[in-house]
Amino acid sequence: MSRLSMLRMGALTVTTLALGLFTAAIADRLLTRWAYAVEKGRIQAATDDLETLDAEVATLEKVARGFRAVAKVARPGVVQIRVSGDRAEGMPSRHPEVMLGSGSGVIMDSDGYIMTNNHVISGEGRLRVRLVDDREFDAERIGTDPRTDIAVIKVNAPDLHPLKFGDSSRMEVGDWVVAVGAPFGLSQTVTHGIVSAVGRSNLSGVDIDYQDFIQSDAAINPGNSGGPLLNLRGEVIGINTAIASPNQTQNAGVAFSVPSNMAVRVAEQLRKSGSVVRGWLGVSFTAFPKDDAELFGVKDGRGAFIEAVLEDTPAAKAGIEVEDVIVGVNDKPIEDSEKLRTIFADLVPGEKTRLQVIRDRKPMDLTVTVGRQPAEGRLRAARADGVQWREVPQLPLYLRTLNQRAAERLKHDPAERGALIVGAPDDAGISNIEPGDVIVWCNGERIESVGDLRRAIESKPKARSVKLQVVSPSDDRREVIIELPEKSGR
């Protein structure tokens, strides 16, 4: 190749390289401008969205102001409670006292009464209360009620800020709530959440007899106990009491509060007398066996099933019978036996109360005068003496309805239904019938319950005898004729 050709080729190479670098520079510049334009467009779109959402942001700010207002109102009415005791044996003398526990409390009035949990102040330790302004005072125990976990203490302090209590029955699932307390000793801590459920009861691991909790997902931790759960009006609608978590030591979004209506009624009695008087019906009951809904005529399977009626009690005087299903108190639905027990405990002795009852598949109303719950020892004795059977007029037998559980327990066919014979008066004089036998037919009518047997006999008011078919646990079926006593006035 000539020298001239080599020079031309070199020039061409340099030119090509220059053009490539120039083109790359132009492309990079164009790409940068495009990316910038895209980002600028995104920023402008976000700006436009913010302007469009201005009304919504204003609404959110109003909600935030509501939470701030509740916190400002509530915090001065919430105290931190510390329980301390004497130095343990062997502990260095520089520790004259040891911390036994801590919790929170709600100032009830300007006289210094404070509501808290029983488990916060139980024991003999010294009580020390710290206010929002860091003032500290010794406190005295006024009264405790372990059965609701409510307690009242008192401080002698000026310039207190009591909180207002609201109507907890108005709270619904989804309502916003605010909790204030001293979790892990951090006083004046505010958290929020919603009401997750109302009327929670039968909680395992919670040693409280009367359970009708408000459940929320507000962050509740050890130290919050005894503090308030508030609505967005700044009213106390619950006293924070328990949590459900894997180790029971930290929040898992499941917290339980004693409803304010129950807490206030208990606290007012504690403040006045140091003890609590509870209403009493005088029955033993269980949750309604839902498998027997059709048998007893309870359509939704809810209610409290009466297992026994105690003698000379409000229930007996009102005409309540074994196997009645109480489905309402003053038209308030009763879901289960725990609800009935809690409602009656809150009623005032001497108060007249209406009960909605289903008996033998028919609804009826009864009026009962609420009694006073006896002491625990007398209560156990009374339960042991309760009537646990039903009677059918003119028929000298003690009876219960045979349901599936009873049939299995007594070795009857699980599908068998009828009027179970549990006993008879000493002077009945009836042969061929034993306790454990079941009446399945009466005068040619199929019997599935005590109510069916009662209707079969009442349908023949002039009959002087009844013909029964009974079946034993061994499936031995036989007919028995029972002479009926002559009615008075015949």
Protein backbone atom coordinates (compact mmCIF):
# COMPACT_ATOMS: atom_id res chain seq x y z
CA MET A 1 0.00 0.00 0.00
CA SER A 2 1.35 3.47 -0.90
CA ARG A 3 2.10 6.10 1.65
CA LEU A 4 -0.78 8.20 0.30
CA SER A 5 -3.27 5.37 0.76
CA MET A 6 -2.13 4.84 4.33
CA LEU A 7 -2.61 8.51 5.12
CA ARG A 8 -6.08 8.49 3.62
CA MET A 9 -7.06 5.41 5.69
CA GLY A 10 -5.75 6.99 8.90
CA ALA A 11 -7.68 10.14 8.23
CA LEU A 12 -10.83 8.14 7.61
CA THR A 13 -10.35 6.24 10.90
CA VAL A 14 -9.86 9.45 12.89
CA THR A 15 -12.93 10.98 11.26
CA THR A 16 -15.05 7.91 12.02
CA LEU A 17 -13.91 7.91 15.64
CA ALA A 18 -14.66 11.61 15.99
CA LEU A 19 -18.09 11.18 14.50
CA GLY A 20 -18.77 8.28 16.90
CA LEU A 21 -17.75 10.30 19.93
CA PHE A 22 -19.82 13.25 18.73
CA THR A 23 -22.84 11.03 18.14
CA ALA A 24 -22.48 9.39 21.58
CA ALA A 25 -22.25 12.79 23.23
CA ILE A 26 -25.36 13.97 21.43
CA ALA A 27 -27.26 10.77 22.35
CA ASP A 28 -26.26 11.02 26.04
CA ARG A 29 -27.31 14.64 26.12
CA LEU A 30 -30.64 13.83 24.54
CA LEU A 31 -31.17 10.91 26.97
CA THR A 32 -30.40 13.13 29.97
CA ARG A 33 -32.84 15.76 28.75
CA TRP A 34 -35.49 13.08 28.21
CA ALA A 35 -34.99 11.62 31.68
CA TYR A 36 -35.15 15.06 33.21
CA ALA A 37 -38.32 15.81 31.30
CA VAL A 38 -39.88 12.54 32.53
CA GLU A 39 -38.91 13.25 36.16
CA LYS A 40 -40.14 16.80 35.86
CA GLY A 41 -43.43 15.46 34.57
CA ARG A 42 -43.70 13.13 37.55
CA ILE A 43 -42.99 15.93 40.01
CA GLN A 44 -45.58 18.12 38.34
CA ALA A 45 -48.13 15.28 38.45
CA ALA A 46 -47.48 14.77 42.16
CA THR A 47 -47.83 18.51 42.72
CA ASP A 48 -51.12 18.49 40.85
CA ASP A 49 -52.29 15.52 42.95
CA LEU A 50 -51.46 17.35 46.18
CA GLU A 51 -53.43 20.36 45.02
CA THR A 52 -56.34 18.08 44.08
CA LEU A 53 -56.15 16.31 47.46
CA ASP A 54 -55.95 19.53 49.43
CA ALA A 55 -59.51 19.09 50.72
CA GLU A 56 -58.78 15.51 51.81
CA VAL A 57 -55.55 16.56 53.54
CA ALA A 58 -57.50 19.20 55.39
CA THR A 59 -59.91 16.51 56.56
CA LEU A 60 -57.03 14.35 57.78
CA GLU A 61 -55.59 17.34 59.63
CA LYS A 62 -58.95 17.81 61.34
CA VAL A 63 -58.82 14.19 62.50
CA ALA A 64 -55.29 14.74 63.77
CA ARG A 65 -56.46 17.84 65.64
CA GLY A 66 -59.19 15.70 67.19
CA PHE A 67 -56.62 13.20 68.49
CA ARG A 68 -54.46 16.04 69.79
CA ALA A 69 -57.46 17.54 71.59
CA VAL A 70 -58.32 14.21 73.24
CA ALA A 71 -54.69 13.80 74.36
CA LYS A 72 -54.60 17.32 75.83
CA VAL A 73 -57.83 16.75 77.73
CA ALA A 74 -57.00 13.24 78.91
CA ARG A 75 -53.36 13.38 79.97
CA PRO A 76 -53.89 15.63 83.03
CA GLY A 77 -56.51 13.16 84.29
CA VAL A 78 -54.29 10.09 84.04
CA VAL A 79 -51.85 9.14 86.79
CA GLN A 80 -48.99 6.71 87.12
CA ILE A 81 -49.24 4.36 90.11
CA ARG A 82 -46.21 2.72 91.67
CA VAL A 83 -46.43 -0.02 94.29
CA SER A 84 -43.39 -0.55 96.49
CA GLY A 85 -42.61 -2.75 99.45
CA ASP A 86 -40.02 -3.28 102.16
CA ARG A 87 -36.53 -4.34 101.22
CA ALA A 88 -36.25 -8.09 100.84
CA GLU A 89 -34.04 -10.05 103.24
CA GLY A 90 -30.44 -10.11 102.02
CA MET A 91 -30.85 -7.04 99.82
CA PRO A 92 -28.30 -4.25 100.41
CA SER A 93 -29.48 -1.56 102.80
CA ARG A 94 -29.11 1.11 100.13
CA HIS A 95 -32.36 -0.29 98.69
CA PRO A 96 -34.86 0.39 101.49
CA GLU A 97 -37.80 -0.40 99.18
CA VAL A 98 -38.36 -2.54 96.13
CA MET A 99 -40.78 -1.93 93.26
CA LEU A 100 -43.62 -4.44 93.41
CA GLY A 101 -45.59 -3.21 90.45
CA SER A 102 -46.85 -0.24 88.51
CA GLY A 103 -49.82 0.81 86.46
CA SER A 104 -52.08 3.70 85.62
CA GLY A 105 -55.23 5.29 86.99
CA VAL A 106 -58.03 7.72 86.13
CA ILE A 107 -58.87 10.70 88.33
CA MET A 108 -62.59 10.44 89.07
CA ASP A 109 -63.20 13.73 90.86
CA SER A 110 -61.55 16.71 92.48
CA ASP A 111 -61.71 15.01 95.90
CA GLY A 112 -58.83 12.76 94.84
CA TYR A 113 -60.60 9.47 94.12
CA ILE A 114 -58.80 7.49 91.43
CA MET A 115 -60.07 4.45 89.54
CA THR A 116 -57.63 1.72 88.56
CA ASN A 117 -57.36 -2.08 88.30
CA ASN A 118 -57.45 -4.36 91.31
CA HIS A 119 -54.43 -6.26 90.02
CA VAL A 120 -52.41 -3.03 89.93
CA ILE A 121 -52.77 -2.33 93.67
CA SER A 122 -53.38 -5.80 95.12
CA GLY A 123 -51.16 -6.71 98.03
CA GLU A 124 -49.82 -4.67 100.92
CA GLY A 125 -47.32 -2.42 99.18
CA ARG A 126 -47.11 1.34 99.53
CA LEU A 127 -48.98 3.29 96.83
CA ARG A 128 -47.40 6.31 95.21
CA VAL A 129 -49.21 8.37 92.57
CA ARG A 130 -47.50 10.63 90.05
CA LEU A 131 -49.52 13.34 88.27
CA VAL A 132 -48.98 14.84 84.83
CA ASP A 133 -47.15 17.83 86.36
CA ASP A 134 -44.71 15.46 88.14
CA ARG A 135 -46.21 16.02 91.59
CA GLU A 136 -46.21 12.84 93.66
CA PHE A 137 -48.46 11.79 96.53
CA ASP A 138 -49.02 8.78 98.72
CA ALA A 139 -52.37 7.08 98.14
CA GLU A 140 -54.68 4.97 100.29
CA ARG A 141 -56.74 1.98 99.20
CA ILE A 142 -60.47 2.67 99.38
CA GLY A 143 -61.87 -0.57 97.98
CA THR A 144 -61.15 -3.38 95.55
CA ASP A 145 -63.30 -5.74 93.51
CA PRO A 146 -61.33 -8.66 92.07
CA ARG A 147 -64.41 -10.00 90.28
CA THR A 148 -64.37 -7.05 87.84
CA ASP A 149 -60.72 -6.07 88.45
CA ILE A 150 -61.77 -2.55 89.46
CA ALA A 151 -60.30 -0.68 92.45
CA VAL A 152 -60.48 2.80 93.93
CA ILE A 153 -57.66 4.65 95.69
CA LYS A 154 -57.45 8.21 97.02
CA VAL A 155 -54.88 10.99 97.21
CA ASN A 156 -55.02 14.27 99.11
CA ALA A 157 -53.93 16.70 96.41
CA PRO A 158 -55.13 20.09 95.16
CA ASP A 159 -55.80 21.15 91.57
CA LEU A 160 -56.76 17.79 90.17
CA HIS A 161 -58.18 17.28 86.69
CA PRO A 162 -60.95 14.64 86.73
CA LEU A 163 -61.99 13.00 83.47
CA LYS A 164 -65.52 12.64 82.18
CA PHE A 165 -66.94 9.13 81.80
CA GLY A 166 -68.99 8.30 78.72
CA ASP A 167 -71.64 5.71 77.86
CA SER A 168 -69.77 2.55 76.85
CA SER A 169 -72.95 0.94 75.48
CA ARG A 170 -72.81 3.37 72.55
CA MET A 171 -69.43 2.11 71.33
CA GLU A 172 -69.49 0.12 68.11
CA VAL A 173 -66.96 -1.90 66.18
CA GLY A 174 -64.86 0.46 64.08
CA ASP A 175 -65.08 3.47 66.43
CA TRP A 176 -61.78 5.23 67.02
CA VAL A 177 -60.39 5.09 70.56
CA VAL A 178 -57.42 6.58 72.40
CA ALA A 179 -55.51 4.94 75.26
CA VAL A 180 -53.40 6.80 77.82
CA GLY A 181 -51.14 5.24 80.42
CA ALA A 182 -47.63 4.38 81.57
CA PRO A 183 -46.50 1.33 79.58
CA PHE A 184 -43.15 0.01 80.81
CA GLY A 185 -43.06 2.97 83.21
CA LEU A 186 -43.24 5.56 80.40
CA SER A 187 -45.85 7.90 81.86
CA GLN A 188 -48.33 9.91 79.75
CA THR A 189 -48.03 7.66 76.71
CA VAL A 190 -50.83 8.09 74.16
CA THR A 191 -51.81 5.43 71.60
CA HIS A 192 -54.83 4.98 69.40
CA GLY A 193 -56.78 2.34 67.49
CA ILE A 194 -60.32 1.18 66.81
CA VAL A 195 -62.87 -0.88 68.68
CA SER A 196 -62.34 -4.43 67.43
CA ALA A 197 -65.24 -6.07 69.28
CA VAL A 198 -67.67 -5.45 72.14
CA GLY A 199 -69.08 -7.81 74.73
CA ARG A 200 -66.04 -10.09 74.80
CA SER A 201 -66.35 -12.79 77.49
CA ASN A 202 -65.14 -16.27 78.41
CA LEU A 203 -61.51 -15.26 77.83
CA SER A 204 -59.10 -17.97 78.86
CA GLY A 205 -56.23 -16.89 81.08
CA VAL A 206 -58.08 -13.78 82.32
CA ASP A 207 -58.91 -14.25 86.01
CA ILE A 208 -61.95 -11.95 86.10
CA ASP A 209 -65.42 -13.30 86.90
CA TYR A 210 -67.56 -10.69 85.16
CA GLN A 211 -66.31 -10.28 81.61
CA ASP A 212 -67.99 -7.95 79.15
CA PHE A 213 -64.90 -6.39 77.61
CA ILE A 214 -64.40 -3.83 74.88
CA GLN A 215 -61.68 -5.19 72.60
CA SER A 216 -59.44 -2.72 70.76
CA ASP A 217 -56.21 -2.69 68.81
CA ALA A 218 -54.83 0.35 70.63
CA ALA A 219 -51.29 -0.40 71.83
CA ILE A 220 -51.70 -1.60 75.42
CA ASN A 221 -48.68 -2.93 77.32
CA PRO A 222 -47.75 -3.69 80.94
CA GLY A 223 -48.17 -0.44 82.85
CA ASN A 224 -51.25 0.63 80.87
CA SER A 225 -53.46 -1.35 83.26
CA GLY A 226 -55.93 0.91 85.01
CA GLY A 227 -55.59 3.68 82.44
CA PRO A 228 -58.44 4.99 80.31
CA LEU A 229 -59.71 4.07 76.89
CA LEU A 230 -61.38 7.19 75.50
CA ASN A 231 -63.66 8.06 72.61
CA LEU A 232 -63.00 11.03 70.33
CA ARG A 233 -65.08 13.24 72.64
CA GLY A 234 -62.46 12.76 75.34
CA GLU A 235 -64.81 10.61 77.44
CA VAL A 236 -63.59 7.51 79.28
CA ILE A 237 -65.46 4.53 77.84
CA GLY A 238 -63.25 1.78 79.27
CA ILE A 239 -60.55 0.90 81.79
CA ASN A 240 -57.64 -0.93 80.16
CA THR A 241 -57.26 -4.28 81.91
CA ALA A 242 -55.76 -7.13 79.90
CA ILE A 243 -54.00 -8.06 76.68
CA ALA A 244 -53.80 -11.19 74.57
CA SER A 245 -50.34 -11.97 73.23
CA PRO A 246 -48.14 -15.03 72.84
CA ASN A 247 -46.27 -14.28 76.07
CA GLN A 248 -48.74 -11.91 77.78
CA THR A 249 -45.99 -9.32 78.15
CA GLN A 250 -46.27 -7.15 75.06
CA ASN A 251 -48.84 -5.69 72.72
CA ALA A 252 -50.11 -7.84 69.88
CA GLY A 253 -53.01 -5.65 68.82
CA VAL A 254 -55.56 -7.39 71.08
CA ALA A 255 -56.42 -5.44 74.23
CA PHE A 256 -59.40 -5.64 76.59
CA SER A 257 -61.03 -2.88 78.63
CA VAL A 258 -63.73 -3.00 81.31
CA PRO A 259 -66.68 -0.96 79.93
CA SER A 260 -67.08 2.37 81.67
CA ASN A 261 -70.72 1.68 82.58
CA MET A 262 -69.68 -1.37 84.60
CA ALA A 263 -66.54 0.26 85.98
CA VAL A 264 -68.37 3.37 87.21
CA ARG A 265 -71.11 1.37 88.96
CA VAL A 266 -68.52 -0.72 90.76
CA ALA A 267 -66.26 2.23 91.59
CA GLU A 268 -69.10 4.31 93.01
CA GLN A 269 -70.00 1.51 95.41
CA LEU A 270 -66.36 1.05 96.38
CA ARG A 271 -66.02 4.76 97.04
CA LYS A 272 -69.12 4.87 99.23
CA SER A 273 -68.81 1.62 101.19
CA GLY A 274 -65.59 -0.14 100.16
CA SER A 275 -67.54 -3.16 98.85
CA VAL A 276 -69.88 -4.11 96.02
CA VAL A 277 -73.50 -5.31 96.19
CA ARG A 278 -74.61 -7.33 93.19
CA GLY A 279 -77.96 -8.33 91.77
CA TRP A 280 -79.00 -11.97 91.78
CA LEU A 281 -81.53 -14.12 89.96
CA GLY A 282 -81.10 -17.43 91.79
CA VAL A 283 -80.52 -19.95 89.00
CA SER A 284 -77.78 -22.18 87.70
CA PHE A 285 -77.37 -21.89 83.96
CA THR A 286 -75.19 -22.91 81.06
CA ALA A 287 -74.69 -21.68 77.54
CA PHE A 288 -77.58 -22.81 75.38
CA PRO A 289 -76.75 -26.11 73.64
CA LYS A 290 -77.02 -24.97 70.02
CA ASP A 291 -77.54 -28.52 68.76
CA ASP A 292 -80.86 -28.44 70.62
CA ALA A 293 -82.13 -25.22 69.04
CA GLU A 294 -85.03 -26.97 67.28
CA LEU A 295 -85.83 -29.17 70.26
CA PHE A 296 -86.33 -26.17 72.56
CA GLY A 297 -87.60 -23.74 69.90
CA VAL A 298 -84.70 -21.27 70.02
CA LYS A 299 -84.25 -20.22 66.40
CA ASP A 300 -80.87 -18.50 66.56
CA GLY A 301 -79.39 -20.85 69.18
CA ARG A 302 -78.62 -18.01 71.60
CA GLY A 303 -79.56 -17.61 75.23
CA ALA A 304 -78.93 -18.85 78.75
CA PHE A 305 -80.23 -22.34 79.48
CA ILE A 306 -81.63 -22.81 83.00
CA GLU A 307 -80.22 -25.96 84.58
CA ALA A 308 -81.55 -25.42 88.10
CA VAL A 309 -83.80 -23.01 89.98
CA LEU A 310 -82.75 -22.33 93.57
CA GLU A 311 -85.49 -22.46 96.17
CA ASP A 312 -86.92 -19.26 97.70
CA THR A 313 -85.08 -17.00 95.24
CA PRO A 314 -86.19 -14.25 92.84
CA ALA A 315 -86.24 -16.80 90.01
CA ALA A 316 -88.46 -19.25 91.88
CA LYS A 317 -90.87 -16.48 92.93
CA ALA A 318 -91.06 -15.20 89.35
CA GLY A 319 -92.02 -18.65 88.03
CA ILE A 320 -88.82 -19.45 86.13
CA GLU A 321 -88.54 -23.16 85.37
CA VAL A 322 -85.77 -25.60 84.59
CA GLU A 323 -85.14 -25.77 80.81
CA ASP A 324 -86.34 -22.21 80.29
CA VAL A 325 -84.08 -20.32 77.88
CA ILE A 326 -83.59 -16.67 78.81
CA VAL A 327 -83.04 -14.78 75.56
CA GLY A 328 -83.41 -11.19 76.78
CA VAL A 329 -83.32 -8.89 79.83
CA ASN A 330 -85.32 -5.70 79.47
CA ASP A 331 -85.35 -6.41 75.71
CA LYS A 332 -81.57 -6.56 75.59
CA PRO A 333 -80.51 -9.79 73.81
CA ILE A 334 -78.73 -12.46 75.84
CA GLU A 335 -76.19 -14.32 73.73
CA ASP A 336 -75.02 -16.76 76.39
CA SER A 337 -75.01 -17.53 80.09
CA GLU A 338 -72.01 -15.30 80.80
CA LYS A 339 -73.90 -12.30 79.43
CA LEU A 340 -76.87 -13.05 81.68
CA ARG A 341 -74.65 -13.38 84.76
CA THR A 342 -72.87 -10.11 84.03
CA ILE A 343 -76.09 -8.19 83.39
CA PHE A 344 -77.74 -9.41 86.59
CA ALA A 345 -74.67 -8.64 88.66
CA ASP A 346 -75.00 -5.03 87.51
CA LEU A 347 -78.68 -4.72 88.42
CA VAL A 348 -79.77 -3.09 91.66
CA PRO A 349 -81.36 -5.39 94.28
CA GLY A 350 -85.08 -4.64 94.54
CA GLU A 351 -85.31 -3.49 90.93
CA LYS A 352 -88.08 -5.00 88.81
CA THR A 353 -86.73 -6.51 85.61
CA ARG A 354 -88.42 -8.06 82.59
CA LEU A 355 -87.11 -11.33 81.20
CA GLN A 356 -87.75 -12.60 77.70
CA VAL A 357 -88.00 -16.40 77.97
CA ILE A 358 -88.63 -19.32 75.64
CA ARG A 359 -90.38 -22.22 77.35
CA ASP A 360 -91.50 -25.33 75.49
CA ARG A 361 -90.87 -23.58 72.15
CA LYS A 362 -93.10 -20.61 73.08
CA PRO A 363 -91.88 -17.06 73.89
CA MET A 364 -93.10 -15.44 77.08
CA ASP A 365 -92.28 -12.51 79.37
CA LEU A 366 -91.67 -12.79 83.11
CA THR A 367 -91.14 -10.05 85.67
CA VAL A 368 -88.60 -10.68 88.41
CA THR A 369 -87.61 -8.61 91.42
CA VAL A 370 -83.81 -8.62 91.51
CA GLY A 371 -82.33 -10.12 94.68
CA ARG A 372 -79.07 -9.49 96.45
CA GLN A 373 -76.28 -11.92 95.69
CA PRO A 374 -75.32 -13.84 98.84
CA ALA A 375 -71.78 -14.41 100.01
CA GLU A 376 -69.80 -17.01 98.05
CA GLY A 377 -70.14 -19.74 100.70
CA ARG A 378 -73.91 -19.39 100.96
CA LEU A 379 -74.10 -19.16 97.17
CA ARG A 380 -72.41 -22.55 96.73
CA ALA A 381 -74.75 -24.12 99.31
CA ALA A 382 -77.81 -22.67 97.59
CA ARG A 383 -76.69 -24.03 94.22
CA ALA A 384 -76.37 -27.50 95.71
CA ASP A 385 -80.02 -27.41 96.86
CA GLY A 386 -81.50 -26.16 93.60
CA VAL A 387 -84.37 -27.91 91.80
CA GLN A 388 -82.95 -29.59 88.72
CA TRP A 389 -86.05 -31.16 87.20
CA ARG A 390 -89.43 -30.26 85.78
CA GLU A 391 -92.86 -31.38 86.84
CA VAL A 392 -95.99 -31.98 84.78
CA PRO A 393 -99.28 -31.20 86.54
CA GLN A 394 -101.01 -34.38 87.84
CA LEU A 395 -98.09 -36.62 86.84
CA PRO A 396 -96.05 -37.71 89.93
CA LEU A 397 -92.66 -37.71 88.20
CA TYR A 398 -89.55 -35.56 88.08
CA LEU A 399 -88.52 -35.02 84.45
CA ARG A 400 -85.94 -33.54 82.08
CA THR A 401 -85.83 -33.41 78.31
CA LEU A 402 -83.53 -36.05 76.86
CA ASN A 403 -81.18 -34.39 74.40
CA GLN A 404 -78.23 -35.92 72.57
CA ARG A 405 -75.69 -35.26 75.32
CA ALA A 406 -77.94 -36.75 77.99
CA ALA A 407 -78.74 -39.74 75.78
CA GLU A 408 -75.06 -40.50 75.26
CA ARG A 409 -74.30 -40.07 78.97
CA LEU A 410 -77.13 -42.42 80.01
CA LYS A 411 -76.35 -45.03 77.32
CA HIS A 412 -79.52 -44.40 75.33
CA ASP A 413 -79.58 -44.32 71.55
CA PRO A 414 -78.06 -40.86 70.72
CA ALA A 415 -81.00 -40.22 68.37
CA GLU A 416 -83.59 -40.92 71.07
CA ARG A 417 -85.67 -37.97 72.33
CA GLY A 418 -88.30 -37.81 75.01
CA ALA A 419 -89.05 -36.93 78.65
CA LEU A 420 -86.32 -38.40 80.84
CA ILE A 421 -87.45 -39.66 84.25
CA VAL A 422 -85.00 -38.46 86.91
CA GLY A 423 -87.05 -39.40 89.96
CA ALA A 424 -90.44 -39.45 91.65
CA PRO A 425 -91.94 -38.35 94.99
CA ASP A 426 -91.67 -40.89 97.77
CA ASP A 427 -95.46 -41.41 97.78
CA ALA A 428 -95.82 -41.70 94.00
CA GLY A 429 -96.53 -45.44 94.14
CA ILE A 430 -95.63 -46.03 90.48
CA SER A 431 -94.24 -49.37 89.37
CA ASN A 432 -92.52 -50.36 86.14
CA ILE A 433 -90.73 -47.01 85.88
CA GLU A 434 -87.15 -46.34 86.90
CA PRO A 435 -84.93 -43.25 86.85
CA GLY A 436 -83.18 -43.24 83.48
CA ASP A 437 -86.25 -44.45 81.59
CA VAL A 438 -87.56 -42.15 78.88
CA ILE A 439 -91.20 -41.42 78.00
CA VAL A 440 -91.48 -41.46 74.20
CA TRP A 441 -95.27 -41.78 73.70
CA CYS A 442 -98.25 -40.46 75.68
CA ASN A 443 -101.82 -41.41 74.76
CA GLY A 444 -100.70 -42.14 71.22
CA GLU A 445 -98.77 -38.87 70.78
CA ARG A 446 -95.01 -38.80 70.07
CA ILE A 447 -93.06 -37.17 72.91
CA GLU A 448 -89.70 -35.47 72.31
CA SER A 449 -89.57 -33.14 75.31
CA VAL A 450 -91.13 -32.40 78.67
CA GLY A 451 -93.13 -29.69 76.94
CA ASP A 452 -94.61 -32.24 74.54
CA LEU A 453 -95.62 -34.43 77.50
CA ARG A 454 -97.23 -31.49 79.27
CA ARG A 455 -99.25 -30.56 76.19
CA ALA A 456 -100.33 -34.18 75.62
CA ILE A 457 -101.76 -34.45 79.14
CA GLU A 458 -103.31 -30.98 79.14
CA SER A 459 -105.05 -31.75 75.84
CA LYS A 460 -107.22 -34.33 77.68
CA PRO A 461 -108.31 -32.46 80.83
CA LYS A 462 -111.00 -35.03 81.76
CA ALA A 463 -108.79 -38.10 81.46
CA ARG A 464 -108.44 -40.19 84.65
CA SER A 465 -105.30 -41.95 83.44
CA VAL A 466 -102.50 -41.70 80.87
CA LYS A 467 -100.95 -44.46 78.81
CA LEU A 468 -97.21 -44.01 78.42
CA GLN A 469 -94.63 -45.85 76.40
CA VAL A 470 -91.24 -45.80 78.06
CA VAL A 471 -87.86 -47.03 76.88
CA SER A 472 -84.95 -48.08 79.07
CA PRO A 473 -81.24 -47.52 78.34
CA SER A 474 -81.14 -51.15 77.13
CA ASP A 475 -83.90 -50.28 74.59
CA ASP A 476 -86.53 -52.28 76.49
CA ARG A 477 -89.89 -50.69 75.49
CA ARG A 478 -93.03 -51.13 77.55
CA GLU A 479 -96.37 -49.50 78.25
CA VAL A 480 -97.22 -48.02 81.61
CA ILE A 481 -100.63 -46.73 82.69
CA ILE A 482 -100.66 -44.10 85.44
CA GLU A 483 -103.82 -43.12 87.28
CA LEU A 484 -104.20 -39.35 87.60
CA PRO A 485 -105.42 -37.71 90.80
CA GLU A 486 -108.86 -36.18 90.63
CA LYS A 487 -108.75 -32.44 90.08
CA SER A 488 -110.18 -30.28 92.82
CA GLY A 489 -113.61 -28.88 92.03
CA ARG A 490 -114.55 -31.76 89.68
